[in-house]
Amino acid sequence: MPIYEYAPCSGDCRVCKGSFTLNRPLSAPPLEKCPLCRKPVQKLLSSFSTPNLLKPLSVSKAKNAGFSVFHKVGKGEYERQ
């Protein structure tokens, strides 16, 4: 279920602290009012998580994972390592 971020359309609110996040199914209708203070809200653009690879996969780890590793020997020619 995606997490959506919302903020009030005008000013801050003491009840909802200015912005909030909700877990909502994709099939849910768009949220127009804050569930706590009932003021109009707008959906914020959020960042998303992507896996970060800190270093490239080594040849031995790639082979252990079942991948074929090739080495370039000439123009358009490769041989299996």
PDB file of N, CA and C in Angstrom:
ATOM      1  N   MET A   1       0.850  -1.166   0.000  1.00  0.00           N
ATOM      2  CA  MET A   1       0.000   0.000   0.000  1.00  0.00           C
ATOM      3  C   MET A   1       0.904   1.241   0.000  1.00  0.00           C
ATOM      4  N   PRO A   2       0.679   2.190  -0.914  1.00  0.00           N
ATOM      5  CA  PRO A   2       1.526   3.371  -0.992  1.00  0.00           C
ATOM      6  C   PRO A   2       1.317   4.316   0.183  1.00  0.00           C
ATOM      7  N   ILE A   3       2.349   5.095   0.471  1.00  0.00           N
ATOM      8  CA  ILE A   3       2.277   6.110   1.506  1.00  0.00           C
ATOM      9  C   ILE A   3       2.170   7.460   0.808  1.00  0.00           C
ATOM     10  N   TYR A   4       1.158   8.237   1.150  1.00  0.00           N
ATOM     11  CA  TYR A   4       0.930   9.549   0.561  1.00  0.00           C
ATOM     12  C   TYR A   4       1.201  10.628   1.595  1.00  0.00           C
ATOM     13  N   GLU A   5       1.814  11.742   1.150  1.00  0.00           N
ATOM     14  CA  GLU A   5       2.070  12.881   2.014  1.00  0.00           C
ATOM     15  C   GLU A   5       1.108  13.998   1.643  1.00  0.00           C
ATOM     16  N   TYR A   6       0.551  14.645   2.658  1.00  0.00           N
ATOM     17  CA  TYR A   6      -0.409  15.728   2.466  1.00  0.00           C
ATOM     18  C   TYR A   6       0.000  16.936   3.284  1.00  0.00           C
ATOM     19  N   ALA A   7      -0.397  18.127   2.825  1.00  0.00           N
ATOM     20  CA  ALA A   7      -0.180  19.369   3.553  1.00  0.00           C
ATOM     21  C   ALA A   7      -1.432  20.221   3.402  1.00  0.00           C
ATOM     22  N   PRO A   8      -1.735  21.067   4.388  1.00  0.00           N
ATOM     23  CA  PRO A   8      -2.905  21.936   4.259  1.00  0.00           C
ATOM     24  C   PRO A   8      -2.710  22.935   3.122  1.00  0.00           C
ATOM     25  N   CYS A   9      -3.804  23.296   2.468  1.00  0.00           N
ATOM     26  CA  CYS A   9      -3.729  24.241   1.348  1.00  0.00           C
ATOM     27  C   CYS A   9      -3.364  25.644   1.819  1.00  0.00           C
ATOM     28  N   SER A  10      -3.790  26.015   3.027  1.00  0.00           N
ATOM     29  CA  SER A  10      -3.493  27.363   3.519  1.00  0.00           C
ATOM     30  C   SER A  10      -3.081  27.311   4.983  1.00  0.00           C
ATOM     31  N   GLY A  11      -1.879  27.836   5.301  1.00  0.00           N
ATOM     32  CA  GLY A  11      -1.422  27.943   6.677  1.00  0.00           C
ATOM     33  C   GLY A  11      -1.111  26.602   7.322  1.00  0.00           C
ATOM     34  N   ASP A  12      -0.815  26.680   8.599  1.00  0.00           N
ATOM     35  CA  ASP A  12      -0.540  25.485   9.393  1.00  0.00           C
ATOM     36  C   ASP A  12      -1.705  25.207  10.328  1.00  0.00           C
ATOM     37  N   CYS A  13      -1.737  23.987  10.832  1.00  0.00           N
ATOM     38  CA  CYS A  13      -2.798  23.578  11.751  1.00  0.00           C
ATOM     39  C   CYS A  13      -2.160  23.023  13.015  1.00  0.00           C
ATOM     40  N   ARG A  14      -2.675  23.379  14.156  1.00  0.00           N
ATOM     41  CA  ARG A  14      -2.138  22.855  15.421  1.00  0.00           C
ATOM     42  C   ARG A  14      -2.521  21.389  15.616  1.00  0.00           C
ATOM     43  N   VAL A  15      -3.597  20.969  15.011  1.00  0.00           N
ATOM     44  CA  VAL A  15      -4.069  19.598  15.184  1.00  0.00           C
ATOM     45  C   VAL A  15      -3.213  18.622  14.386  1.00  0.00           C
ATOM     46  N   CYS A  16      -3.008  18.885  13.097  1.00  0.00           N
ATOM     47  CA  CYS A  16      -2.268  17.949  12.232  1.00  0.00           C
ATOM     48  C   CYS A  16      -0.808  18.350  12.048  1.00  0.00           C
ATOM     49  N   LYS A  17      -0.357  19.410  12.691  1.00  0.00           N
ATOM     50  CA  LYS A  17       1.055  19.843  12.683  1.00  0.00           C
ATOM     51  C   LYS A  17       1.552  20.252  11.296  1.00  0.00           C
ATOM     52  N   GLY A  18       0.701  20.687  10.421  1.00  0.00           N
ATOM     53  CA  GLY A  18       1.119  21.205   9.124  1.00  0.00           C
ATOM     54  C   GLY A  18       1.160  20.205   7.993  1.00  0.00           C
ATOM     55  N   SER A  19       1.617  18.991   8.228  1.00  0.00           N
ATOM     56  CA  SER A  19       1.619  17.973   7.174  1.00  0.00           C
ATOM     57  C   SER A  19       1.510  16.600   7.825  1.00  0.00           C
ATOM     58  N   PHE A  20       1.089  15.620   7.035  1.00  0.00           N
ATOM     59  CA  PHE A  20       0.916  14.271   7.567  1.00  0.00           C
ATOM     60  C   PHE A  20       1.038  13.267   6.444  1.00  0.00           C
ATOM     61  N   THR A  21       1.234  11.999   6.800  1.00  0.00           N
ATOM     62  CA  THR A  21       1.318  10.905   5.837  1.00  0.00           C
ATOM     63  C   THR A  21       0.229   9.890   6.135  1.00  0.00           C
ATOM     64  N   LEU A  22      -0.266   9.257   5.091  1.00  0.00           N
ATOM     65  CA  LEU A  22      -1.301   8.232   5.227  1.00  0.00           C
ATOM     66  C   LEU A  22      -0.986   7.054   4.324  1.00  0.00           C
ATOM     67  N   ASN A  23      -1.261   5.854   4.804  1.00  0.00           N
ATOM     68  CA  ASN A  23      -1.252   4.651   3.966  1.00  0.00           C
ATOM     69  C   ASN A  23      -2.637   4.533   3.367  1.00  0.00           C
ATOM     70  N   ARG A  24      -2.706   4.616   2.036  1.00  0.00           N
ATOM     71  CA  ARG A  24      -4.010   4.530   1.369  1.00  0.00           C
ATOM     72  C   ARG A  24      -3.901   3.590   0.182  1.00  0.00           C
ATOM     73  N   PRO A  25      -4.921   2.761  -0.032  1.00  0.00           N
ATOM     74  CA  PRO A  25      -4.904   1.890  -1.217  1.00  0.00           C
ATOM     75  C   PRO A  25      -5.041   2.723  -2.491  1.00  0.00           C
ATOM     76  N   LEU A  26      -4.581   2.160  -3.596  1.00  0.00           N
ATOM     77  CA  LEU A  26      -4.682   2.857  -4.877  1.00  0.00           C
ATOM     78  C   LEU A  26      -6.136   3.104  -5.291  1.00  0.00           C
ATOM     79  N   SER A  27      -7.034   2.245  -4.851  1.00  0.00           N
ATOM     80  CA  SER A  27      -8.432   2.367  -5.240  1.00  0.00           C
ATOM     81  C   SER A  27      -9.195   3.409  -4.422  1.00  0.00           C
ATOM     82  N   ALA A  28      -8.576   3.989  -3.394  1.00  0.00           N
ATOM     83  CA  ALA A  28      -9.256   4.976  -2.549  1.00  0.00           C
ATOM     84  C   ALA A  28      -9.444   6.288  -3.312  1.00  0.00           C
ATOM     85  N   PRO A  29     -10.564   6.970  -3.081  1.00  0.00           N
ATOM     86  CA  PRO A  29     -10.763   8.269  -3.743  1.00  0.00           C
ATOM     87  C   PRO A  29      -9.754   9.290  -3.211  1.00  0.00           C
ATOM     88  N   PRO A  30      -9.455  10.342  -3.976  1.00  0.00           N
ATOM     89  CA  PRO A  30      -8.481  11.334  -3.524  1.00  0.00           C
ATOM     90  C   PRO A  30      -8.936  12.014  -2.227  1.00  0.00           C
ATOM     91  N   LEU A  31      -7.985  12.253  -1.344  1.00  0.00           N
ATOM     92  CA  LEU A  31      -8.278  12.899  -0.072  1.00  0.00           C
ATOM     93  C   LEU A  31      -8.377  14.403  -0.307  1.00  0.00           C
ATOM     94  N   GLU A  32      -9.484  15.016   0.112  1.00  0.00           N
ATOM     95  CA  GLU A  32      -9.681  16.446  -0.088  1.00  0.00           C
ATOM     96  C   GLU A  32      -9.610  17.231   1.207  1.00  0.00           C
ATOM     97  N   LYS A  33      -9.880  16.580   2.354  1.00  0.00           N
ATOM     98  CA  LYS A  33      -9.865  17.272   3.644  1.00  0.00           C
ATOM     99  C   LYS A  33      -9.059  16.451   4.646  1.00  0.00           C
ATOM    100  N   CYS A  34      -8.412  17.154   5.574  1.00  0.00           N
ATOM    101  CA  CYS A  34      -7.645  16.505   6.626  1.00  0.00           C
ATOM    102  C   CYS A  34      -8.597  15.691   7.509  1.00  0.00           C
ATOM    103  N   PRO A  35      -8.249  14.450   7.838  1.00  0.00           N
ATOM    104  CA  PRO A  35      -9.134  13.647   8.673  1.00  0.00           C
ATOM    105  C   PRO A  35      -9.246  14.177  10.106  1.00  0.00           C
ATOM    106  N   LEU A  36      -8.300  15.004  10.557  1.00  0.00           N
ATOM    107  CA  LEU A  36      -8.339  15.527  11.924  1.00  0.00           C
ATOM    108  C   LEU A  36      -9.010  16.892  12.016  1.00  0.00           C
ATOM    109  N   CYS A  37      -8.560  17.860  11.198  1.00  0.00           N
ATOM    110  CA  CYS A  37      -9.076  19.229  11.330  1.00  0.00           C
ATOM    111  C   CYS A  37     -10.095  19.599  10.268  1.00  0.00           C
ATOM    112  N   ARG A  38     -10.283  18.763   9.256  1.00  0.00           N
ATOM    113  CA  ARG A  38     -11.261  18.947   8.177  1.00  0.00           C
ATOM    114  C   ARG A  38     -10.953  20.139   7.277  1.00  0.00           C
ATOM    115  N   LYS A  39      -9.705  20.660   7.289  1.00  0.00           N
ATOM    116  CA  LYS A  39      -9.313  21.733   6.370  1.00  0.00           C
ATOM    117  C   LYS A  39      -8.922  21.115   5.033  1.00  0.00           C
ATOM    118  N   PRO A  40      -9.031  21.867   3.931  1.00  0.00           N
ATOM    119  CA  PRO A  40      -8.619  21.342   2.621  1.00  0.00           C
ATOM    120  C   PRO A  40      -7.126  21.033   2.599  1.00  0.00           C
ATOM    121  N   VAL A  41      -6.758  19.932   1.939  1.00  0.00           N
ATOM    122  CA  VAL A  41      -5.361  19.515   1.840  1.00  0.00           C
ATOM    123  C   VAL A  41      -4.978  19.292   0.386  1.00  0.00           C
ATOM    124  N   GLN A  42      -3.669  19.300   0.139  1.00  0.00           N
ATOM    125  CA  GLN A  42      -3.144  18.970  -1.184  1.00  0.00           C
ATOM    126  C   GLN A  42      -2.110  17.866  -1.033  1.00  0.00           C
ATOM    127  N   LYS A  43      -2.058  16.992  -2.025  1.00  0.00           N
ATOM    128  CA  LYS A  43      -1.089  15.891  -1.998  1.00  0.00           C
ATOM    129  C   LYS A  43       0.267  16.430  -2.425  1.00  0.00           C
ATOM    130  N   LEU A  44       1.323  16.060  -1.692  1.00  0.00           N
ATOM    131  CA  LEU A  44       2.682  16.498  -1.990  1.00  0.00           C
ATOM    132  C   LEU A  44       3.388  15.481  -2.864  1.00  0.00           C
ATOM    133  N   LEU A  45       4.325  15.955  -3.670  1.00  0.00           N
ATOM    134  CA  LEU A  45       5.169  15.040  -4.432  1.00  0.00           C
ATOM    135  C   LEU A  45       6.204  14.467  -3.483  1.00  0.00           C
ATOM    136  N   SER A  46       6.332  13.168  -3.469  1.00  0.00           N
ATOM    137  CA  SER A  46       7.223  12.488  -2.533  1.00  0.00           C
ATOM    138  C   SER A  46       8.380  11.862  -3.276  1.00  0.00           C
ATOM    139  N   SER A  47       9.460  11.640  -2.563  1.00  0.00           N
ATOM    140  CA  SER A  47      10.567  10.886  -3.136  1.00  0.00           C
ATOM    141  C   SER A  47      10.265   9.400  -2.977  1.00  0.00           C
ATOM    142  N   PHE A  48      11.001   8.579  -3.654  1.00  0.00           N
ATOM    143  CA  PHE A  48      10.796   7.147  -3.536  1.00  0.00           C
ATOM    144  C   PHE A  48      12.129   6.478  -3.272  1.00  0.00           C
ATOM    145  N   SER A  49      12.067   5.295  -2.758  1.00  0.00           N
ATOM    146  CA  SER A  49      13.271   4.574  -2.366  1.00  0.00           C
ATOM    147  C   SER A  49      13.769   3.715  -3.514  1.00  0.00           C
ATOM    148  N   THR A  50      15.073   3.795  -3.764  1.00  0.00           N
ATOM    149  CA  THR A  50      15.706   2.935  -4.747  1.00  0.00           C
ATOM    150  C   THR A  50      16.912   2.279  -4.090  1.00  0.00           C
ATOM    151  N   PRO A  51      17.207   1.051  -4.441  1.00  0.00           N
ATOM    152  CA  PRO A  51      18.379   0.408  -3.841  1.00  0.00           C
ATOM    153  C   PRO A  51      19.660   1.050  -4.351  1.00  0.00           C
ATOM    154  N   ASN A  52      20.585   1.251  -3.469  1.00  0.00           N
ATOM    155  CA  ASN A  52      21.881   1.823  -3.843  1.00  0.00           C
ATOM    156  C   ASN A  52      22.938   0.728  -3.820  1.00  0.00           C
ATOM    157  N   LEU A  53      23.675   0.626  -4.898  1.00  0.00           N
ATOM    158  CA  LEU A  53      24.803  -0.298  -4.941  1.00  0.00           C
ATOM    159  C   LEU A  53      26.050   0.504  -4.606  1.00  0.00           C
ATOM    160  N   LEU A  54      26.733   0.123  -3.553  1.00  0.00           N
ATOM    161  CA  LEU A  54      27.899   0.875  -3.123  1.00  0.00           C
ATOM    162  C   LEU A  54      29.120   0.568  -3.970  1.00  0.00           C
ATOM    163  N   LYS A  55      29.229  -0.654  -4.461  1.00  0.00           N
ATOM    164  CA  LYS A  55      30.356  -1.014  -5.313  1.00  0.00           C
ATOM    165  C   LYS A  55      29.857  -1.998  -6.367  1.00  0.00           C
ATOM    166  N   PRO A  56      30.541  -2.085  -7.503  1.00  0.00           N
ATOM    167  CA  PRO A  56      30.105  -3.022  -8.545  1.00  0.00           C
ATOM    168  C   PRO A  56      30.214  -4.474  -8.076  1.00  0.00           C
ATOM    169  N   LEU A  57      29.421  -5.309  -8.670  1.00  0.00           N
ATOM    170  CA  LEU A  57      29.426  -6.737  -8.358  1.00  0.00           C
ATOM    171  C   LEU A  57      30.727  -7.350  -8.865  1.00  0.00           C
ATOM    172  N   SER A  58      31.416  -8.096  -8.009  1.00  0.00           N
ATOM    173  CA  SER A  58      32.684  -8.707  -8.420  1.00  0.00           C
ATOM    174  C   SER A  58      32.414  -9.900  -9.339  1.00  0.00           C
ATOM    175  N   VAL A  59      33.452 -10.291 -10.081  1.00  0.00           N
ATOM    176  CA  VAL A  59      33.335 -11.409 -11.017  1.00  0.00           C
ATOM    177  C   VAL A  59      33.001 -12.694 -10.273  1.00  0.00           C
ATOM    178  N   SER A  60      33.661 -12.932  -9.145  1.00  0.00           N
ATOM    179  CA  SER A  60      33.414 -14.177  -8.405  1.00  0.00           C
ATOM    180  C   SER A  60      31.990 -14.207  -7.841  1.00  0.00           C
ATOM    181  N   LYS A  61      31.499 -13.072  -7.353  1.00  0.00           N
ATOM    182  CA  LYS A  61      30.117 -13.030  -6.834  1.00  0.00           C
ATOM    183  C   LYS A  61      29.107 -13.202  -7.961  1.00  0.00           C
ATOM    184  N   ALA A  62      29.396 -12.635  -9.130  1.00  0.00           N
ATOM    185  CA  ALA A  62      28.497 -12.795 -10.273  1.00  0.00           C
ATOM    186  C   ALA A  62      28.435 -14.260 -10.704  1.00  0.00           C
ATOM    187  N   LYS A  63      29.593 -14.931 -10.723  1.00  0.00           N
ATOM    188  CA  LYS A  63      29.618 -16.357 -11.096  1.00  0.00           C
ATOM    189  C   LYS A  63      28.876 -17.195 -10.058  1.00  0.00           C
ATOM    190  N   ASN A  64      29.072 -16.894  -8.777  1.00  0.00           N
ATOM    191  CA  ASN A  64      28.377 -17.631  -7.714  1.00  0.00           C
ATOM    192  C   ASN A  64      26.865 -17.425  -7.783  1.00  0.00           C
ATOM    193  N   ALA A  65      26.436 -16.264  -8.304  1.00  0.00           N
ATOM    194  CA  ALA A  65      25.005 -15.987  -8.435  1.00  0.00           C
ATOM    195  C   ALA A  65      24.411 -16.629  -9.687  1.00  0.00           C
ATOM    196  N   GLY A  66      25.256 -17.250 -10.532  1.00  0.00           N
ATOM    197  CA  GLY A  66      24.751 -17.954 -11.703  1.00  0.00           C
ATOM    198  C   GLY A  66      24.847 -17.173 -13.001  1.00  0.00           C
ATOM    199  N   PHE A  67      25.502 -16.023 -12.999  1.00  0.00           N
ATOM    200  CA  PHE A  67      25.635 -15.224 -14.216  1.00  0.00           C
ATOM    201  C   PHE A  67      26.855 -15.677 -15.009  1.00  0.00           C
ATOM    202  N   SER A  68      26.801 -15.490 -16.313  1.00  0.00           N
ATOM    203  CA  SER A  68      27.961 -15.730 -17.176  1.00  0.00           C
ATOM    204  C   SER A  68      28.719 -14.419 -17.294  1.00  0.00           C
ATOM    205  N   VAL A  69      30.033 -14.474 -17.123  1.00  0.00           N
ATOM    206  CA  VAL A  69      30.865 -13.277 -17.184  1.00  0.00           C
ATOM    207  C   VAL A  69      31.733 -13.369 -18.418  1.00  0.00           C
ATOM    208  N   PHE A  70      31.727 -12.299 -19.227  1.00  0.00           N
ATOM    209  CA  PHE A  70      32.500 -12.256 -20.457  1.00  0.00           C
ATOM    210  C   PHE A  70      33.537 -11.148 -20.384  1.00  0.00           C
ATOM    211  N   HIS A  71      34.654 -11.335 -21.091  1.00  0.00           N
ATOM    212  CA  HIS A  71      35.742 -10.370 -21.155  1.00  0.00           C
ATOM    213  C   HIS A  71      35.956  -9.995 -22.611  1.00  0.00           C
ATOM    214  N   LYS A  72      36.092  -8.692 -22.889  1.00  0.00           N
ATOM    215  CA  LYS A  72      36.278  -8.228 -24.271  1.00  0.00           C
ATOM    216  C   LYS A  72      37.720  -8.508 -24.700  1.00  0.00           C
ATOM    217  N   VAL A  73      37.889  -9.230 -25.827  1.00  0.00           N
ATOM    218  CA  VAL A  73      39.228  -9.564 -26.319  1.00  0.00           C
ATOM    219  C   VAL A  73      39.565  -8.816 -27.600  1.00  0.00           C
ATOM    220  N   GLY A  74      38.609  -8.321 -28.285  1.00  0.00           N
ATOM    221  CA  GLY A  74      38.836  -7.601 -29.541  1.00  0.00           C
ATOM    222  C   GLY A  74      37.599  -6.800 -29.886  1.00  0.00           C
ATOM    223  N   LYS A  75      37.636  -6.222 -31.088  1.00  0.00           N
ATOM    224  CA  LYS A  75      36.500  -5.412 -31.517  1.00  0.00           C
ATOM    225  C   LYS A  75      35.295  -6.315 -31.777  1.00  0.00           C
ATOM    226  N   GLY A  76      34.344  -6.271 -30.863  1.00  0.00           N
ATOM    227  CA  GLY A  76      33.145  -7.083 -31.001  1.00  0.00           C
ATOM    228  C   GLY A  76      33.330  -8.540 -30.626  1.00  0.00           C
ATOM    229  N   GLU A  77      34.475  -8.896 -30.033  1.00  0.00           N
ATOM    230  CA  GLU A  77      34.737 -10.284 -29.637  1.00  0.00           C
ATOM    231  C   GLU A  77      34.848 -10.385 -28.135  1.00  0.00           C
ATOM    232  N   TYR A  78      34.148 -11.365 -27.590  1.00  0.00           N
ATOM    233  CA  TYR A  78      34.166 -11.595 -26.150  1.00  0.00           C
ATOM    234  C   TYR A  78      34.429 -13.066 -25.882  1.00  0.00           C
ATOM    235  N   GLU A  79      35.063 -13.356 -24.771  1.00  0.00           N
ATOM    236  CA  GLU A  79      35.229 -14.750 -24.371  1.00  0.00           C
ATOM    237  C   GLU A  79      34.801 -14.878 -22.915  1.00  0.00           C
ATOM    238  N   ARG A  80      34.308 -16.071 -22.600  1.00  0.00           N
ATOM    239  CA  ARG A  80      33.824 -16.347 -21.259  1.00  0.00           C
ATOM    240  C   ARG A  80      34.994 -16.446 -20.289  1.00  0.00           C
ATOM    241  N   GLN A  81      34.855 -15.845 -19.131  1.00  0.00           N
ATOM    242  CA  GLN A  81      35.912 -15.926 -18.110  1.00  0.00           C
ATOM    243  C   GLN A  81      35.735 -17.144 -17.257  1.00  0.00           C
TER     244      GLN A  81
END
